[in-house]
Amino acid sequence: MDDTPRGDRLLMHRCDAVSGDSGSPILGIAGDALVVLGVHVATRRPKSGESTGIAIPIDSVSDVAR
């Protein structure tokens, strides 16, 4: 997972994702616990090379929900 913000508030990831996976949680490990890092929203598929997943960080989602 590359947690460097892109476009100000995005996470780039390499989790497997297919059409219909938008809205899926992007999980990480913190100590002994699974944590939600973000919500998958898109996949960038270049003509050659590896696909890159795009997610919205969970803190930006939780900020809106408050």
N, C-alpha and C. Protein backbone atom coordinates (compact mmCIF):
# COMPACT_ATOMS: atom_id res chain seq x y z
N MET A 1 0.85 -1.18 0.00
CA MET A 1 0.00 0.00 0.00
C MET A 1 0.89 1.23 0.00
N ASP A 2 0.61 2.13 -0.88
CA ASP A 2 1.30 3.42 -0.90
C ASP A 2 0.35 4.42 -0.26
N ASP A 3 0.68 4.84 0.97
CA ASP A 3 -0.24 5.74 1.67
C ASP A 3 0.06 7.21 1.41
N THR A 4 0.85 7.49 0.37
CA THR A 4 1.10 8.88 -0.01
C THR A 4 -0.16 9.43 -0.68
N PRO A 5 -0.70 10.56 -0.19
CA PRO A 5 -1.91 11.11 -0.80
C PRO A 5 -1.68 11.45 -2.27
N ARG A 6 -2.61 11.13 -3.11
CA ARG A 6 -2.60 11.48 -4.52
C ARG A 6 -3.86 12.31 -4.78
N GLY A 7 -3.72 13.39 -5.51
CA GLY A 7 -4.89 14.22 -5.74
C GLY A 7 -5.47 14.73 -4.43
N ASP A 8 -4.61 14.91 -3.46
CA ASP A 8 -4.91 15.45 -2.14
C ASP A 8 -5.51 14.43 -1.17
N ARG A 9 -6.37 13.51 -1.60
CA ARG A 9 -7.02 12.62 -0.64
C ARG A 9 -7.26 11.22 -1.20
N LEU A 10 -6.28 10.60 -1.83
CA LEU A 10 -6.45 9.25 -2.36
C LEU A 10 -5.34 8.33 -1.89
N LEU A 11 -5.66 7.03 -1.78
CA LEU A 11 -4.66 6.00 -1.50
C LEU A 11 -4.53 5.14 -2.75
N MET A 12 -3.31 4.80 -3.09
CA MET A 12 -3.07 3.88 -4.20
C MET A 12 -2.74 2.52 -3.58
N HIS A 13 -3.28 1.44 -4.16
CA HIS A 13 -3.03 0.11 -3.59
C HIS A 13 -2.88 -0.93 -4.69
N ARG A 14 -2.40 -2.09 -4.31
CA ARG A 14 -2.22 -3.19 -5.25
C ARG A 14 -3.04 -4.42 -4.86
N CYS A 15 -4.12 -4.21 -4.12
CA CYS A 15 -5.02 -5.30 -3.78
C CYS A 15 -5.74 -5.76 -5.05
N ASP A 16 -6.00 -7.06 -5.15
CA ASP A 16 -6.77 -7.56 -6.30
C ASP A 16 -8.15 -6.91 -6.29
N ALA A 17 -8.58 -6.43 -7.45
CA ALA A 17 -9.90 -5.83 -7.57
C ALA A 17 -10.42 -6.05 -8.99
N VAL A 18 -11.69 -6.34 -9.08
CA VAL A 18 -12.35 -6.53 -10.37
C VAL A 18 -13.57 -5.63 -10.43
N SER A 19 -14.18 -5.57 -11.59
CA SER A 19 -15.38 -4.77 -11.77
C SER A 19 -16.41 -5.18 -10.72
N GLY A 20 -17.00 -4.19 -10.06
CA GLY A 20 -17.99 -4.45 -9.02
C GLY A 20 -17.43 -4.39 -7.61
N ASP A 21 -16.11 -4.24 -7.47
CA ASP A 21 -15.50 -4.19 -6.14
C ASP A 21 -15.52 -2.80 -5.51
N SER A 22 -15.99 -1.80 -6.22
CA SER A 22 -16.06 -0.46 -5.63
C SER A 22 -16.87 -0.50 -4.35
N GLY A 23 -16.39 0.19 -3.34
CA GLY A 23 -17.04 0.21 -2.04
C GLY A 23 -16.46 -0.81 -1.08
N SER A 24 -15.59 -1.68 -1.58
CA SER A 24 -14.97 -2.68 -0.71
C SER A 24 -13.95 -2.03 0.21
N PRO A 25 -13.82 -2.54 1.43
CA PRO A 25 -12.82 -1.98 2.34
C PRO A 25 -11.42 -2.40 1.93
N ILE A 26 -10.46 -1.51 2.12
CA ILE A 26 -9.04 -1.82 1.98
C ILE A 26 -8.53 -2.02 3.40
N LEU A 27 -8.09 -3.23 3.70
CA LEU A 27 -7.71 -3.59 5.06
C LEU A 27 -6.20 -3.56 5.25
N GLY A 28 -5.80 -3.27 6.46
CA GLY A 28 -4.39 -3.30 6.85
C GLY A 28 -4.28 -3.94 8.23
N ILE A 29 -3.07 -4.13 8.68
CA ILE A 29 -2.84 -4.72 10.00
C ILE A 29 -2.17 -3.68 10.89
N ALA A 30 -2.73 -3.49 12.08
CA ALA A 30 -2.16 -2.61 13.09
C ALA A 30 -1.99 -3.44 14.36
N GLY A 31 -0.76 -3.84 14.63
CA GLY A 31 -0.53 -4.73 15.77
C GLY A 31 -1.16 -6.08 15.47
N ASP A 32 -2.11 -6.50 16.31
CA ASP A 32 -2.81 -7.77 16.13
C ASP A 32 -4.20 -7.60 15.52
N ALA A 33 -4.53 -6.38 15.09
CA ALA A 33 -5.89 -6.11 14.62
C ALA A 33 -5.92 -5.75 13.13
N LEU A 34 -7.01 -6.13 12.48
CA LEU A 34 -7.28 -5.65 11.13
C LEU A 34 -7.93 -4.28 11.25
N VAL A 35 -7.53 -3.35 10.39
CA VAL A 35 -8.11 -2.02 10.39
C VAL A 35 -8.51 -1.66 8.97
N VAL A 36 -9.55 -0.86 8.83
CA VAL A 36 -9.98 -0.37 7.53
C VAL A 36 -9.17 0.88 7.21
N LEU A 37 -8.40 0.83 6.13
CA LEU A 37 -7.58 1.96 5.72
C LEU A 37 -8.29 2.87 4.73
N GLY A 38 -9.16 2.28 3.93
CA GLY A 38 -9.84 3.06 2.91
C GLY A 38 -10.96 2.29 2.25
N VAL A 39 -11.59 2.93 1.27
CA VAL A 39 -12.69 2.35 0.50
C VAL A 39 -12.28 2.36 -0.97
N HIS A 40 -12.26 1.18 -1.60
CA HIS A 40 -11.87 1.06 -3.01
C HIS A 40 -12.90 1.76 -3.89
N VAL A 41 -12.40 2.60 -4.83
CA VAL A 41 -13.32 3.32 -5.72
C VAL A 41 -13.03 3.11 -7.20
N ALA A 42 -11.81 2.71 -7.56
CA ALA A 42 -11.49 2.57 -8.99
C ALA A 42 -10.20 1.78 -9.15
N THR A 43 -9.97 1.33 -10.38
CA THR A 43 -8.72 0.66 -10.73
C THR A 43 -8.18 1.28 -12.00
N ARG A 44 -6.93 1.65 -11.98
CA ARG A 44 -6.25 2.20 -13.15
C ARG A 44 -5.55 1.05 -13.84
N ARG A 45 -5.87 0.83 -15.11
CA ARG A 45 -5.28 -0.28 -15.87
C ARG A 45 -4.55 0.28 -17.08
N PRO A 46 -3.24 0.47 -16.96
CA PRO A 46 -2.48 0.97 -18.11
C PRO A 46 -2.40 -0.11 -19.20
N LYS A 47 -2.07 0.31 -20.42
CA LYS A 47 -1.95 -0.65 -21.52
C LYS A 47 -0.89 -1.69 -21.23
N SER A 48 0.16 -1.29 -20.54
CA SER A 48 1.19 -2.25 -20.12
C SER A 48 1.55 -1.96 -18.68
N GLY A 49 1.94 -2.98 -17.97
CA GLY A 49 2.32 -2.80 -16.57
C GLY A 49 1.22 -3.22 -15.63
N GLU A 50 1.47 -2.99 -14.34
CA GLU A 50 0.56 -3.42 -13.28
C GLU A 50 -0.61 -2.47 -13.10
N SER A 51 -1.75 -3.04 -12.75
CA SER A 51 -2.91 -2.23 -12.39
C SER A 51 -2.68 -1.60 -11.02
N THR A 52 -3.29 -0.45 -10.80
CA THR A 52 -3.20 0.24 -9.52
C THR A 52 -4.61 0.52 -9.03
N GLY A 53 -4.90 0.11 -7.80
CA GLY A 53 -6.19 0.42 -7.20
C GLY A 53 -6.18 1.81 -6.61
N ILE A 54 -7.34 2.43 -6.60
CA ILE A 54 -7.49 3.77 -6.05
C ILE A 54 -8.55 3.70 -4.96
N ALA A 55 -8.23 4.26 -3.81
CA ALA A 55 -9.15 4.22 -2.66
C ALA A 55 -9.23 5.58 -2.00
N ILE A 56 -10.34 5.82 -1.36
CA ILE A 56 -10.52 7.02 -0.54
C ILE A 56 -10.13 6.63 0.88
N PRO A 57 -9.23 7.39 1.53
CA PRO A 57 -8.83 7.07 2.90
C PRO A 57 -10.03 7.07 3.84
N ILE A 58 -10.05 6.14 4.78
CA ILE A 58 -11.19 6.00 5.68
C ILE A 58 -11.39 7.25 6.53
N ASP A 59 -10.32 7.97 6.85
CA ASP A 59 -10.51 9.18 7.66
C ASP A 59 -11.29 10.25 6.92
N SER A 60 -11.17 10.30 5.59
CA SER A 60 -11.96 11.28 4.84
C SER A 60 -13.43 10.87 4.79
N VAL A 61 -13.71 9.56 4.78
CA VAL A 61 -15.09 9.08 4.80
C VAL A 61 -15.69 9.30 6.18
N SER A 62 -14.93 8.97 7.23
CA SER A 62 -15.46 9.13 8.58
C SER A 62 -15.65 10.60 8.93
N ASP A 63 -14.84 11.50 8.37
CA ASP A 63 -15.02 12.93 8.61
C ASP A 63 -16.37 13.40 8.07
N VAL A 64 -16.78 12.90 6.91
CA VAL A 64 -18.04 13.29 6.29
C VAL A 64 -19.22 12.72 7.07
N ALA A 65 -19.04 11.53 7.63
CA ALA A 65 -20.14 10.85 8.34
C ALA A 65 -20.45 11.47 9.69
N ARG A 66 -19.56 12.26 10.21
CA ARG A 66 -19.78 12.86 11.54
C ARG A 66 -20.75 13.99 11.52
